Amino acid sequence: MSRILDDDVDTRHLLTTALAHMGAAVTAVGSAREALDAVNHETPDVVVSDIRMPGEDGYAFIRKLRALAPERGGRTPAVALTAYPRVEDRARALAAGFQVHVPKPVPPNELAAVVAALAGRTEGA
């Protein structure tokens, strides 16, 4: 299962549809709090998180996720999906605890490939 975290409804819908089309089971939420609550109910295989969101941003979310015990989702692979494409933005995302930094807009098949790779699968997501 993949979890999408983005405050923009249209982006959540687009990403959910694209990943579902590639065979992924996807849950989409609109805030860091909702994402952490969802992780507490069921640990996903991969998290895809926007960086820029009102309230708690993606960096606050990943810090809280990484603070969880491994069996509670603290080591869940995470993708930073962001409109910030600079090298220093990538470095900051990776240093914060994301495994991959993907600039927006991202082709759906590319995102599916990233999610599949992080989930340890070679096809689909």
PDB file of N, CA and C in Angstrom:
ATOM      1  N   MET A   1       0.839  -1.177   0.000  1.00  0.00           N
ATOM      2  CA  MET A   1       0.000   0.000   0.000  1.00  0.00           C
ATOM      3  C   MET A   1       0.884   1.240   0.000  1.00  0.00           C
ATOM      4  N   SER A   2       0.481   2.233  -0.772  1.00  0.00           N
ATOM      5  CA  SER A   2       1.149   3.518  -0.809  1.00  0.00           C
ATOM      6  C   SER A   2       0.258   4.553  -0.136  1.00  0.00           C
ATOM      7  N   ARG A   3       0.896   5.537   0.468  1.00  0.00           N
ATOM      8  CA  ARG A   3       0.133   6.615   1.077  1.00  0.00           C
ATOM      9  C   ARG A   3       0.597   7.921   0.452  1.00  0.00           C
ATOM     10  N   ILE A   4      -0.354   8.714  -0.030  1.00  0.00           N
ATOM     11  CA  ILE A   4      -0.094  10.012  -0.644  1.00  0.00           C
ATOM     12  C   ILE A   4      -0.456  11.088   0.366  1.00  0.00           C
ATOM     13  N   LEU A   5       0.453  12.036   0.587  1.00  0.00           N
ATOM     14  CA  LEU A   5       0.195  13.172   1.468  1.00  0.00           C
ATOM     15  C   LEU A   5       0.403  14.441   0.662  1.00  0.00           C
ATOM     16  N   ASP A   6      -0.686  15.134   0.387  1.00  0.00           N
ATOM     17  CA  ASP A   6      -0.622  16.404  -0.349  1.00  0.00           C
ATOM     18  C   ASP A   6      -1.830  17.216   0.046  1.00  0.00           C
ATOM     19  N   ASP A   7      -1.631  18.510   0.278  1.00  0.00           N
ATOM     20  CA  ASP A   7      -2.747  19.360   0.689  1.00  0.00           C
ATOM     21  C   ASP A   7      -3.657  19.725  -0.474  1.00  0.00           C
ATOM     22  N   ASP A   8      -3.188  19.553  -1.707  1.00  0.00           N
ATOM     23  CA  ASP A   8      -3.988  19.907  -2.880  1.00  0.00           C
ATOM     24  C   ASP A   8      -4.861  18.722  -3.314  1.00  0.00           C
ATOM     25  N   VAL A   9      -6.159  18.921  -3.300  1.00  0.00           N
ATOM     26  CA  VAL A   9      -7.115  17.855  -3.627  1.00  0.00           C
ATOM     27  C   VAL A   9      -6.889  17.307  -5.040  1.00  0.00           C
ATOM     28  N   ASP A  10      -6.676  18.199  -5.998  1.00  0.00           N
ATOM     29  CA  ASP A  10      -6.479  17.754  -7.381  1.00  0.00           C
ATOM     30  C   ASP A  10      -5.217  16.911  -7.527  1.00  0.00           C
ATOM     31  N   THR A  11      -4.153  17.317  -6.855  1.00  0.00           N
ATOM     32  CA  THR A  11      -2.904  16.546  -6.908  1.00  0.00           C
ATOM     33  C   THR A  11      -3.100  15.180  -6.271  1.00  0.00           C
ATOM     34  N   ARG A  12      -3.770  15.132  -5.128  1.00  0.00           N
ATOM     35  CA  ARG A  12      -4.043  13.833  -4.487  1.00  0.00           C
ATOM     36  C   ARG A  12      -4.810  12.923  -5.428  1.00  0.00           C
ATOM     37  N   HIS A  13      -5.827  13.474  -6.077  1.00  0.00           N
ATOM     38  CA  HIS A  13      -6.647  12.679  -6.991  1.00  0.00           C
ATOM     39  C   HIS A  13      -5.806  12.178  -8.170  1.00  0.00           C
ATOM     40  N   LEU A  14      -5.022  13.062  -8.764  1.00  0.00           N
ATOM     41  CA  LEU A  14      -4.187  12.685  -9.903  1.00  0.00           C
ATOM     42  C   LEU A  14      -3.189  11.585  -9.524  1.00  0.00           C
ATOM     43  N   LEU A  15      -2.497  11.761  -8.410  1.00  0.00           N
ATOM     44  CA  LEU A  15      -1.497  10.774  -7.993  1.00  0.00           C
ATOM     45  C   LEU A  15      -2.138   9.451  -7.598  1.00  0.00           C
ATOM     46  N   THR A  16      -3.251   9.532  -6.903  1.00  0.00           N
ATOM     47  CA  THR A  16      -3.955   8.307  -6.511  1.00  0.00           C
ATOM     48  C   THR A  16      -4.411   7.532  -7.739  1.00  0.00           C
ATOM     49  N   THR A  17      -4.994   8.232  -8.682  1.00  0.00           N
ATOM     50  CA  THR A  17      -5.470   7.596  -9.914  1.00  0.00           C
ATOM     51  C   THR A  17      -4.311   6.988 -10.690  1.00  0.00           C
ATOM     52  N   ALA A  18      -3.217   7.732 -10.820  1.00  0.00           N
ATOM     53  CA  ALA A  18      -2.068   7.245 -11.581  1.00  0.00           C
ATOM     54  C   ALA A  18      -1.466   5.995 -10.943  1.00  0.00           C
ATOM     55  N   LEU A  19      -1.278   6.021  -9.629  1.00  0.00           N
ATOM     56  CA  LEU A  19      -0.683   4.860  -8.965  1.00  0.00           C
ATOM     57  C   LEU A  19      -1.646   3.671  -8.945  1.00  0.00           C
ATOM     58  N   ALA A  20      -2.928   3.930  -8.755  1.00  0.00           N
ATOM     59  CA  ALA A  20      -3.916   2.847  -8.791  1.00  0.00           C
ATOM     60  C   ALA A  20      -3.963   2.203 -10.166  1.00  0.00           C
ATOM     61  N   HIS A  21      -3.839   3.030 -11.200  1.00  0.00           N
ATOM     62  CA  HIS A  21      -3.820   2.516 -12.576  1.00  0.00           C
ATOM     63  C   HIS A  21      -2.634   1.576 -12.791  1.00  0.00           C
ATOM     64  N   MET A  22      -1.549   1.814 -12.064  1.00  0.00           N
ATOM     65  CA  MET A  22      -0.355   0.976 -12.171  1.00  0.00           C
ATOM     66  C   MET A  22      -0.411  -0.219 -11.225  1.00  0.00           C
ATOM     67  N   GLY A  23      -1.527  -0.372 -10.506  1.00  0.00           N
ATOM     68  CA  GLY A  23      -1.709  -1.545  -9.663  1.00  0.00           C
ATOM     69  C   GLY A  23      -1.490  -1.339  -8.181  1.00  0.00           C
ATOM     70  N   ALA A  24      -1.264  -0.107  -7.750  1.00  0.00           N
ATOM     71  CA  ALA A  24      -1.020   0.149  -6.330  1.00  0.00           C
ATOM     72  C   ALA A  24      -2.322   0.335  -5.569  1.00  0.00           C
ATOM     73  N   ALA A  25      -2.320  -0.094  -4.328  1.00  0.00           N
ATOM     74  CA  ALA A  25      -3.386   0.254  -3.396  1.00  0.00           C
ATOM     75  C   ALA A  25      -2.945   1.558  -2.764  1.00  0.00           C
ATOM     76  N   VAL A  26      -3.763   2.598  -2.851  1.00  0.00           N
ATOM     77  CA  VAL A  26      -3.358   3.934  -2.434  1.00  0.00           C
ATOM     78  C   VAL A  26      -4.379   4.538  -1.477  1.00  0.00           C
ATOM     79  N   THR A  27      -3.866   5.173  -0.432  1.00  0.00           N
ATOM     80  CA  THR A  27      -4.670   5.983   0.463  1.00  0.00           C
ATOM     81  C   THR A  27      -4.118   7.391   0.387  1.00  0.00           C
ATOM     82  N   ALA A  28      -4.982   8.377   0.199  1.00  0.00           N
ATOM     83  CA  ALA A  28      -4.541   9.768   0.094  1.00  0.00           C
ATOM     84  C   ALA A  28      -5.109  10.574   1.242  1.00  0.00           C
ATOM     85  N   VAL A  29      -4.262  11.432   1.816  1.00  0.00           N
ATOM     86  CA  VAL A  29      -4.676  12.302   2.908  1.00  0.00           C
ATOM     87  C   VAL A  29      -4.164  13.712   2.640  1.00  0.00           C
ATOM     88  N   GLY A  30      -4.744  14.694   3.350  1.00  0.00           N
ATOM     89  CA  GLY A  30      -4.440  16.075   3.066  1.00  0.00           C
ATOM     90  C   GLY A  30      -3.596  16.801   4.087  1.00  0.00           C
ATOM     91  N   SER A  31      -3.156  16.124   5.154  1.00  0.00           N
ATOM     92  CA  SER A  31      -2.344  16.807   6.155  1.00  0.00           C
ATOM     93  C   SER A  31      -1.387  15.817   6.818  1.00  0.00           C
ATOM     94  N   ALA A  32      -0.359  16.374   7.443  1.00  0.00           N
ATOM     95  CA  ALA A  32       0.614  15.541   8.159  1.00  0.00           C
ATOM     96  C   ALA A  32      -0.071  14.771   9.289  1.00  0.00           C
ATOM     97  N   ARG A  33      -0.986  15.430   9.972  1.00  0.00           N
ATOM     98  CA  ARG A  33      -1.697  14.756  11.075  1.00  0.00           C
ATOM     99  C   ARG A  33      -2.488  13.544  10.555  1.00  0.00           C
ATOM    100  N   GLU A  34      -3.211  13.742   9.449  1.00  0.00           N
ATOM    101  CA  GLU A  34      -3.976  12.635   8.871  1.00  0.00           C
ATOM    102  C   GLU A  34      -3.046  11.501   8.429  1.00  0.00           C
ATOM    103  N   ALA A  35      -1.898  11.866   7.883  1.00  0.00           N
ATOM    104  CA  ALA A  35      -0.947  10.843   7.427  1.00  0.00           C
ATOM    105  C   ALA A  35      -0.419  10.032   8.599  1.00  0.00           C
ATOM    106  N   LEU A  36      -0.061  10.695   9.679  1.00  0.00           N
ATOM    107  CA  LEU A  36       0.437   9.966  10.853  1.00  0.00           C
ATOM    108  C   LEU A  36      -0.650   9.108  11.474  1.00  0.00           C
ATOM    109  N   ASP A  37      -1.874   9.620  11.530  1.00  0.00           N
ATOM    110  CA  ASP A  37      -2.993   8.810  12.029  1.00  0.00           C
ATOM    111  C   ASP A  37      -3.174   7.568  11.166  1.00  0.00           C
ATOM    112  N   ALA A  38      -3.083   7.731   9.843  1.00  0.00           N
ATOM    113  CA  ALA A  38      -3.242   6.601   8.927  1.00  0.00           C
ATOM    114  C   ALA A  38      -2.121   5.584   9.115  1.00  0.00           C
ATOM    115  N   VAL A  39      -0.894   6.056   9.326  1.00  0.00           N
ATOM    116  CA  VAL A  39       0.242   5.155   9.556  1.00  0.00           C
ATOM    117  C   VAL A  39       0.017   4.361  10.836  1.00  0.00           C
ATOM    118  N   ASN A  40      -0.572   4.989  11.847  1.00  0.00           N
ATOM    119  CA  ASN A  40      -0.859   4.284  13.096  1.00  0.00           C
ATOM    120  C   ASN A  40      -1.876   3.169  12.913  1.00  0.00           C
ATOM    121  N   HIS A  41      -2.740   3.284  11.910  1.00  0.00           N
ATOM    122  CA  HIS A  41      -3.738   2.253  11.643  1.00  0.00           C
ATOM    123  C   HIS A  41      -3.188   1.147  10.756  1.00  0.00           C
ATOM    124  N   GLU A  42      -2.378   1.531   9.779  1.00  0.00           N
ATOM    125  CA  GLU A  42      -1.800   0.554   8.862  1.00  0.00           C
ATOM    126  C   GLU A  42      -0.531   1.144   8.255  1.00  0.00           C
ATOM    127  N   THR A  43       0.582   0.465   8.482  1.00  0.00           N
ATOM    128  CA  THR A  43       1.854   0.946   7.954  1.00  0.00           C
ATOM    129  C   THR A  43       1.906   0.707   6.454  1.00  0.00           C
ATOM    130  N   PRO A  44       2.118   1.772   5.680  1.00  0.00           N
ATOM    131  CA  PRO A  44       2.192   1.614   4.224  1.00  0.00           C
ATOM    132  C   PRO A  44       3.552   1.072   3.798  1.00  0.00           C
ATOM    133  N   ASP A  45       3.627   0.612   2.559  1.00  0.00           N
ATOM    134  CA  ASP A  45       4.906   0.187   1.992  1.00  0.00           C
ATOM    135  C   ASP A  45       5.758   1.394   1.651  1.00  0.00           C
ATOM    136  N   VAL A  46       5.117   2.472   1.212  1.00  0.00           N
ATOM    137  CA  VAL A  46       5.796   3.696   0.777  1.00  0.00           C
ATOM    138  C   VAL A  46       4.895   4.890   1.072  1.00  0.00           C
ATOM    139  N   VAL A  47       5.513   6.015   1.416  1.00  0.00           N
ATOM    140  CA  VAL A  47       4.804   7.276   1.593  1.00  0.00           C
ATOM    141  C   VAL A  47       5.320   8.254   0.541  1.00  0.00           C
ATOM    142  N   VAL A  48       4.391   8.947  -0.103  1.00  0.00           N
ATOM    143  CA  VAL A  48       4.730  10.031  -1.028  1.00  0.00           C
ATOM    144  C   VAL A  48       4.179  11.302  -0.396  1.00  0.00           C
ATOM    145  N   SER A  49       5.086  12.232  -0.064  1.00  0.00           N
ATOM    146  CA  SER A  49       4.668  13.436   0.653  1.00  0.00           C
ATOM    147  C   SER A  49       5.080  14.709  -0.069  1.00  0.00           C
ATOM    148  N   ASP A  50       4.128  15.619  -0.184  1.00  0.00           N
ATOM    149  CA  ASP A  50       4.431  16.966  -0.642  1.00  0.00           C
ATOM    150  C   ASP A  50       5.291  17.620   0.441  1.00  0.00           C
ATOM    151  N   ILE A  51       6.118  18.563   0.037  1.00  0.00           N
ATOM    152  CA  ILE A  51       6.933  19.286   1.006  1.00  0.00           C
ATOM    153  C   ILE A  51       6.214  20.534   1.500  1.00  0.00           C
ATOM    154  N   ARG A  52       5.702  21.319   0.588  1.00  0.00           N
ATOM    155  CA  ARG A  52       5.087  22.594   0.965  1.00  0.00           C
ATOM    156  C   ARG A  52       3.596  22.405   1.219  1.00  0.00           C
ATOM    157  N   MET A  53       3.236  22.500   2.495  1.00  0.00           N
ATOM    158  CA  MET A  53       1.836  22.398   2.889  1.00  0.00           C
ATOM    159  C   MET A  53       1.597  23.380   4.027  1.00  0.00           C
ATOM    160  N   PRO A  54       0.375  23.878   4.158  1.00  0.00           N
ATOM    161  CA  PRO A  54       0.093  24.777   5.281  1.00  0.00           C
ATOM    162  C   PRO A  54       0.146  23.999   6.597  1.00  0.00           C
ATOM    163  N   GLY A  55       0.446  24.705   7.658  1.00  0.00           N
ATOM    164  CA  GLY A  55       0.554  24.029   8.955  1.00  0.00           C
ATOM    165  C   GLY A  55       1.855  23.251   8.987  1.00  0.00           C
ATOM    166  N   GLU A  56       1.762  21.968   9.181  1.00  0.00           N
ATOM    167  CA  GLU A  56       2.951  21.122   9.188  1.00  0.00           C
ATOM    168  C   GLU A  56       3.340  20.784   7.754  1.00  0.00           C
ATOM    169  N   ASP A  57       4.571  21.069   7.401  1.00  0.00           N
ATOM    170  CA  ASP A  57       5.034  20.763   6.051  1.00  0.00           C
ATOM    171  C   ASP A  57       5.593  19.341   5.988  1.00  0.00           C
ATOM    172  N   GLY A  58       6.091  18.976   4.833  1.00  0.00           N
ATOM    173  CA  GLY A  58       6.626  17.632   4.643  1.00  0.00           C
ATOM    174  C   GLY A  58       7.817  17.325   5.532  1.00  0.00           C
ATOM    175  N   TYR A  59       8.608  18.354   5.854  1.00  0.00           N
ATOM    176  CA  TYR A  59       9.751  18.143   6.746  1.00  0.00           C
ATOM    177  C   TYR A  59       9.289  17.808   8.161  1.00  0.00           C
ATOM    178  N   ALA A  60       8.278  18.503   8.644  1.00  0.00           N
ATOM    179  CA  ALA A  60       7.726  18.197   9.970  1.00  0.00           C
ATOM    180  C   ALA A  60       7.146  16.785   9.970  1.00  0.00           C
ATOM    181  N   PHE A  61       6.445  16.442   8.889  1.00  0.00           N
ATOM    182  CA  PHE A  61       5.873  15.101   8.788  1.00  0.00           C
ATOM    183  C   PHE A  61       6.957  14.026   8.841  1.00  0.00           C
ATOM    184  N   ILE A  62       8.015  14.176   8.033  1.00  0.00           N
ATOM    185  CA  ILE A  62       9.031  13.116   7.979  1.00  0.00           C
ATOM    186  C   ILE A  62       9.766  13.006   9.312  1.00  0.00           C
ATOM    187  N   ARG A  63       9.976  14.115  10.007  1.00  0.00           N
ATOM    188  CA  ARG A  63      10.608  14.043  11.332  1.00  0.00           C
ATOM    189  C   ARG A  63       9.746  13.211  12.279  1.00  0.00           C
ATOM    190  N   LYS A  64       8.443  13.444  12.248  1.00  0.00           N
ATOM    191  CA  LYS A  64       7.546  12.684  13.125  1.00  0.00           C
ATOM    192  C   LYS A  64       7.477  11.215  12.710  1.00  0.00           C
ATOM    193  N   LEU A  65       7.454  10.963  11.410  1.00  0.00           N
ATOM    194  CA  LEU A  65       7.431   9.575  10.932  1.00  0.00           C
ATOM    195  C   LEU A  65       8.701   8.857  11.366  1.00  0.00           C
ATOM    196  N   ARG A  66       9.853   9.482  11.186  1.00  0.00           N
ATOM    197  CA  ARG A  66      11.126   8.862  11.545  1.00  0.00           C
ATOM    198  C   ARG A  66      11.278   8.669  13.050  1.00  0.00           C
ATOM    199  N   ALA A  67      10.524   9.425  13.851  1.00  0.00           N
ATOM    200  CA  ALA A  67      10.574   9.279  15.307  1.00  0.00           C
ATOM    201  C   ALA A  67       9.809   8.043  15.797  1.00  0.00           C
ATOM    202  N   LEU A  68       8.966   7.471  14.930  1.00  0.00           N
ATOM    203  CA  LEU A  68       8.217   6.265  15.303  1.00  0.00           C
ATOM    204  C   LEU A  68       9.144   5.057  15.355  1.00  0.00           C
ATOM    205  N   ALA A  69       8.784   4.085  16.153  1.00  0.00           N
ATOM    206  CA  ALA A  69       9.529   2.825  16.191  1.00  0.00           C
ATOM    207  C   ALA A  69       9.429   2.152  14.820  1.00  0.00           C
ATOM    208  N   PRO A  70      10.441   1.392  14.432  1.00  0.00           N
ATOM    209  CA  PRO A  70      10.414   0.736  13.118  1.00  0.00           C
ATOM    210  C   PRO A  70       9.145  -0.084  12.880  1.00  0.00           C
ATOM    211  N   GLU A  71       8.697  -0.802  13.886  1.00  0.00           N
ATOM    212  CA  GLU A  71       7.507  -1.637  13.716  1.00  0.00           C
ATOM    213  C   GLU A  71       6.227  -0.817  13.607  1.00  0.00           C
ATOM    214  N   ARG A  72       6.301   0.458  13.923  1.00  0.00           N
ATOM    215  CA  ARG A  72       5.139   1.354  13.811  1.00  0.00           C
ATOM    216  C   ARG A  72       5.218   2.239  12.578  1.00  0.00           C
ATOM    217  N   GLY A  73       6.230   2.015  11.727  1.00  0.00           N
ATOM    218  CA  GLY A  73       6.330   2.767  10.480  1.00  0.00           C
ATOM    219  C   GLY A  73       7.490   3.728  10.393  1.00  0.00           C
ATOM    220  N   GLY A  74       8.339   3.774  11.397  1.00  0.00           N
ATOM    221  CA  GLY A  74       9.438   4.730  11.430  1.00  0.00           C
ATOM    222  C   GLY A  74      10.462   4.579  10.325  1.00  0.00           C
ATOM    223  N   ARG A  75      10.507   3.430   9.716  1.00  0.00           N
ATOM    224  CA  ARG A  75      11.459   3.210   8.620  1.00  0.00           C
ATOM    225  C   ARG A  75      10.776   3.078   7.265  1.00  0.00           C
ATOM    226  N   THR A  76       9.532   3.501   7.175  1.00  0.00           N
ATOM    227  CA  THR A  76       8.799   3.433   5.916  1.00  0.00           C
ATOM    228  C   THR A  76       9.505   4.273   4.860  1.00  0.00           C
ATOM    229  N   PRO A  77       9.797   3.699   3.697  1.00  0.00           N
ATOM    230  CA  PRO A  77      10.414   4.490   2.625  1.00  0.00           C
ATOM    231  C   PRO A  77       9.510   5.664   2.251  1.00  0.00           C
ATOM    232  N   ALA A  78      10.147   6.816   1.987  1.00  0.00           N
ATOM    233  CA  ALA A  78       9.368   8.027   1.722  1.00  0.00           C
ATOM    234  C   ALA A  78       9.940   8.813   0.547  1.00  0.00           C
ATOM    235  N   VAL A  79       9.011   9.337  -0.256  1.00  0.00           N
ATOM    236  CA  VAL A  79       9.339  10.156  -1.417  1.00  0.00           C
ATOM    237  C   VAL A  79       8.923  11.592  -1.118  1.00  0.00           C
ATOM    238  N   ALA A  80       9.844  12.525  -1.314  1.00  0.00           N
ATOM    239  CA  ALA A  80       9.514  13.949  -1.221  1.00  0.00           C
ATOM    240  C   ALA A  80       9.097  14.405  -2.606  1.00  0.00           C
ATOM    241  N   LEU A  81       7.841  14.744  -2.752  1.00  0.00           N
ATOM    242  CA  LEU A  81       7.310  15.235  -4.023  1.00  0.00           C
ATOM    243  C   LEU A  81       7.178  16.744  -3.881  1.00  0.00           C
ATOM    244  N   THR A  82       7.926  17.485  -4.693  1.00  0.00           N
ATOM    245  CA  THR A  82       8.041  18.909  -4.405  1.00  0.00           C
ATOM    246  C   THR A  82       8.202  19.783  -5.634  1.00  0.00           C
ATOM    247  N   ALA A  83       7.773  21.008  -5.497  1.00  0.00           N
ATOM    248  CA  ALA A  83       7.966  22.011  -6.540  1.00  0.00           C
ATOM    249  C   ALA A  83       9.335  22.664  -6.410  1.00  0.00           C
ATOM    250  N   TYR A  84      10.124  22.220  -5.453  1.00  0.00           N
ATOM    251  CA  TYR A  84      11.463  22.758  -5.232  1.00  0.00           C
ATOM    252  C   TYR A  84      12.497  21.822  -5.856  1.00  0.00           C
ATOM    253  N   PRO A  85      12.970  22.132  -7.079  1.00  0.00           N
ATOM    254  CA  PRO A  85      13.835  21.199  -7.798  1.00  0.00           C
ATOM    255  C   PRO A  85      15.346  21.434  -7.654  1.00  0.00           C
ATOM    256  N   ARG A  86      15.743  22.416  -6.861  1.00  0.00           N
ATOM    257  CA  ARG A  86      17.165  22.739  -6.774  1.00  0.00           C
ATOM    258  C   ARG A  86      17.962  21.634  -6.053  1.00  0.00           C
ATOM    259  N   VAL A  87      19.265  21.616  -6.317  1.00  0.00           N
ATOM    260  CA  VAL A  87      20.153  20.632  -5.693  1.00  0.00           C
ATOM    261  C   VAL A  87      20.080  20.752  -4.176  1.00  0.00           C
ATOM    262  N   GLU A  88      20.065  21.978  -3.654  1.00  0.00           N
ATOM    263  CA  GLU A  88      20.016  22.155  -2.209  1.00  0.00           C
ATOM    264  C   GLU A  88      18.670  21.693  -1.625  1.00  0.00           C
ATOM    265  N   ASP A  89      17.597  21.767  -2.414  1.00  0.00           N
ATOM    266  CA  ASP A  89      16.301  21.250  -1.964  1.00  0.00           C
ATOM    267  C   ASP A  89      16.348  19.729  -1.864  1.00  0.00           C
ATOM    268  N   ARG A  90      16.970  19.102  -2.853  1.00  0.00           N
ATOM    269  CA  ARG A  90      17.131  17.643  -2.834  1.00  0.00           C
ATOM    270  C   ARG A  90      17.957  17.222  -1.618  1.00  0.00           C
ATOM    271  N   ALA A  91      19.060  17.911  -1.393  1.00  0.00           N
ATOM    272  CA  ALA A  91      19.919  17.586  -0.253  1.00  0.00           C
ATOM    273  C   ALA A  91      19.160  17.734   1.067  1.00  0.00           C
ATOM    274  N   ARG A  92      18.363  18.792   1.179  1.00  0.00           N
ATOM    275  CA  ARG A  92      17.592  18.998   2.413  1.00  0.00           C
ATOM    276  C   ARG A  92      16.574  17.883   2.623  1.00  0.00           C
ATOM    277  N   ALA A  93      15.883  17.484   1.547  1.00  0.00           N
ATOM    278  CA  ALA A  93      14.884  16.411   1.657  1.00  0.00           C
ATOM    279  C   ALA A  93      15.539  15.099   2.069  1.00  0.00           C
ATOM    280  N   LEU A  94      16.659  14.775   1.459  1.00  0.00           N
ATOM    281  CA  LEU A  94      17.344  13.529   1.797  1.00  0.00           C
ATOM    282  C   LEU A  94      17.885  13.573   3.226  1.00  0.00           C
ATOM    283  N   ALA A  95      18.436  14.705   3.627  1.00  0.00           N
ATOM    284  CA  ALA A  95      18.940  14.844   4.994  1.00  0.00           C
ATOM    285  C   ALA A  95      17.815  14.751   6.024  1.00  0.00           C
ATOM    286  N   ALA A  96      16.615  15.188   5.647  1.00  0.00           N
ATOM    287  CA  ALA A  96      15.469  15.150   6.562  1.00  0.00           C
ATOM    288  C   ALA A  96      14.957  13.734   6.798  1.00  0.00           C
ATOM    289  N   GLY A  97      15.252  12.816   5.858  1.00  0.00           N
ATOM    290  CA  GLY A  97      14.806  11.442   6.048  1.00  0.00           C
ATOM    291  C   GLY A  97      14.059  10.838   4.884  1.00  0.00           C
ATOM    292  N   PHE A  98      13.877  11.592   3.812  1.00  0.00           N
ATOM    293  CA  PHE A  98      13.265  11.036   2.604  1.00  0.00           C
ATOM    294  C   PHE A  98      14.321  10.228   1.855  1.00  0.00           C
ATOM    295  N   GLN A  99      13.910   9.152   1.186  1.00  0.00           N
ATOM    296  CA  GLN A  99      14.836   8.364   0.389  1.00  0.00           C
ATOM    297  C   GLN A  99      15.011   8.937  -1.015  1.00  0.00           C
ATOM    298  N   VAL A 100      13.965   9.591  -1.521  1.00  0.00           N
ATOM    299  CA  VAL A 100      13.977  10.087  -2.889  1.00  0.00           C
ATOM    300  C   VAL A 100      13.347  11.471  -2.925  1.00  0.00           C
ATOM    301  N   HIS A 101      13.879  12.337  -3.782  1.00  0.00           N
ATOM    302  CA  HIS A 101      13.365  13.680  -4.014  1.00  0.00           C
ATOM    303  C   HIS A 101      12.892  13.733  -5.458  1.00  0.00           C
ATOM    304  N   VAL A 102      11.598  13.968  -5.673  1.00  0.00           N
ATOM    305  CA  VAL A 102      11.024  13.996  -7.023  1.00  0.00           C
ATOM    306  C   VAL A 102      10.390  15.360  -7.261  1.00  0.00           C
ATOM    307  N   PRO A 103      10.925  16.122  -8.237  1.00  0.00           N
ATOM    308  CA  PRO A 103      10.332  17.421  -8.528  1.00  0.00           C
ATOM    309  C   PRO A 103       9.017  17.308  -9.295  1.00  0.00           C
ATOM    310  N   LYS A 104       8.090  18.239  -8.985  1.00  0.00           N
ATOM    311  CA  LYS A 104       6.823  18.335  -9.705  1.00  0.00           C
ATOM    312  C   LYS A 104       7.041  19.189 -10.944  1.00  0.00           C
ATOM    313  N   PRO A 105       6.308  18.985 -11.983  1.00  0.00           N
ATOM    314  CA  PRO A 105       5.384  17.863 -12.191  1.00  0.00           C
ATOM    315  C   PRO A 105       6.166  16.603 -12.544  1.00  0.00           C
ATOM    316  N   VAL A 106       5.641  15.475 -12.132  1.00  0.00           N
ATOM    317  CA  VAL A 106       6.293  14.196 -12.405  1.00  0.00           C
ATOM    318  C   VAL A 106       5.369  13.355 -13.277  1.00  0.00           C
ATOM    319  N   PRO A 107       5.906  12.748 -14.338  1.00  0.00           N
ATOM    320  CA  PRO A 107       5.069  11.847 -15.136  1.00  0.00           C
ATOM    321  C   PRO A 107       4.590  10.683 -14.256  1.00  0.00           C
ATOM    322  N   PRO A 108       3.320  10.321 -14.360  1.00  0.00           N
ATOM    323  CA  PRO A 108       2.779   9.255 -13.507  1.00  0.00           C
ATOM    324  C   PRO A 108       3.577   7.950 -13.571  1.00  0.00           C
ATOM    325  N   ASN A 109       4.055   7.575 -14.755  1.00  0.00           N
ATOM    326  CA  ASN A 109       4.804   6.312 -14.845  1.00  0.00           C
ATOM    327  C   ASN A 109       6.148   6.412 -14.125  1.00  0.00           C
ATOM    328  N   GLU A 110       6.727   7.609 -14.092  1.00  0.00           N
ATOM    329  CA  GLU A 110       7.984   7.800 -13.363  1.00  0.00           C
ATOM    330  C   GLU A 110       7.745   7.686 -11.855  1.00  0.00           C
ATOM    331  N   LEU A 111       6.676   8.316 -11.364  1.00  0.00           N
ATOM    332  CA  LEU A 111       6.351   8.206  -9.941  1.00  0.00           C
ATOM    333  C   LEU A 111       6.057   6.754  -9.581  1.00  0.00           C
ATOM    334  N   ALA A 112       5.318   6.058 -10.431  1.00  0.00           N
ATOM    335  CA  ALA A 112       5.011   4.643 -10.176  1.00  0.00           C
ATOM    336  C   ALA A 112       6.286   3.816 -10.102  1.00  0.00           C
ATOM    337  N   ALA A 113       7.249   4.108 -10.956  1.00  0.00           N
ATOM    338  CA  ALA A 113       8.522   3.373 -10.939  1.00  0.00           C
ATOM    339  C   ALA A 113       9.292   3.643  -9.647  1.00  0.00           C
ATOM    340  N   VAL A 114       9.276   4.885  -9.187  1.00  0.00           N
ATOM    341  CA  VAL A 114       9.951   5.240  -7.937  1.00  0.00           C
ATOM    342  C   VAL A 114       9.293   4.519  -6.763  1.00  0.00           C
ATOM    343  N   VAL A 115       7.971   4.560  -6.708  1.00  0.00           N
ATOM    344  CA  VAL A 115       7.235   3.898  -5.624  1.00  0.00           C
ATOM    345  C   VAL A 115       7.487   2.389  -5.659  1.00  0.00           C
ATOM    346  N   ALA A 116       7.448   1.808  -6.846  1.00  0.00           N
ATOM    347  CA  ALA A 116       7.690   0.363  -6.974  1.00  0.00           C
ATOM    348  C   ALA A 116       9.093   0.004  -6.496  1.00  0.00           C
ATOM    349  N   ALA A 117      10.078   0.797  -6.876  1.00  0.00           N
ATOM    350  CA  ALA A 117      11.451   0.525  -6.452  1.00  0.00           C
ATOM    351  C   ALA A 117      11.587   0.600  -4.919  1.00  0.00           C
ATOM    352  N   LEU A 118      10.987   1.606  -4.330  1.00  0.00           N
ATOM    353  CA  LEU A 118      11.054   1.733  -2.867  1.00  0.00           C
ATOM    354  C   LEU A 118      10.299   0.624  -2.154  1.00  0.00           C
ATOM    355  N   ALA A 119       9.249   0.150  -2.789  1.00  0.00           N
ATOM    356  CA  ALA A 119       8.455  -0.942  -2.191  1.00  0.00           C
ATOM    357  C   ALA A 119       9.108  -2.300  -2.430  1.00  0.00           C
ATOM    358  N   GLY A 120      10.189  -2.314  -3.229  1.00  0.00           N
ATOM    359  CA  GLY A 120      10.883  -3.570  -3.504  1.00  0.00           C
ATOM    360  C   GLY A 120      10.236  -4.392  -4.583  1.00  0.00           C
ATOM    361  N   ARG A 121       9.516  -3.725  -5.471  1.00  0.00           N
ATOM    362  CA  ARG A 121       8.855  -4.413  -6.573  1.00  0.00           C
ATOM    363  C   ARG A 121       9.468  -3.930  -7.870  1.00  0.00           C
ATOM    364  N   THR A 122       9.401  -4.748  -8.895  1.00  0.00           N
ATOM    365  CA  THR A 122       9.974  -4.351 -10.178  1.00  0.00           C
ATOM    366  C   THR A 122       8.930  -3.883 -11.152  1.00  0.00           C
ATOM    367  N   GLU A 123       7.669  -4.206 -10.926  1.00  0.00           N
ATOM    368  CA  GLU A 123       6.580  -3.770 -11.811  1.00  0.00           C
ATOM    369  C   GLU A 123       5.473  -3.204 -10.953  1.00  0.00           C
ATOM    370  N   GLY A 124       4.712  -2.292 -11.545  1.00  0.00           N
ATOM    371  CA  GLY A 124       3.577  -1.721 -10.807  1.00  0.00           C
ATOM    372  C   GLY A 124       4.085  -0.918  -9.645  1.00  0.00           C
ATOM    373  N   ALA A 125       3.172  -0.593  -8.767  1.00  0.00           N
ATOM    374  CA  ALA A 125       3.579   0.167  -7.582  1.00  0.00           C
ATOM    375  C   ALA A 125       3.041  -0.551  -6.385  1.00  0.00           C
TER     376      ALA A 125
END
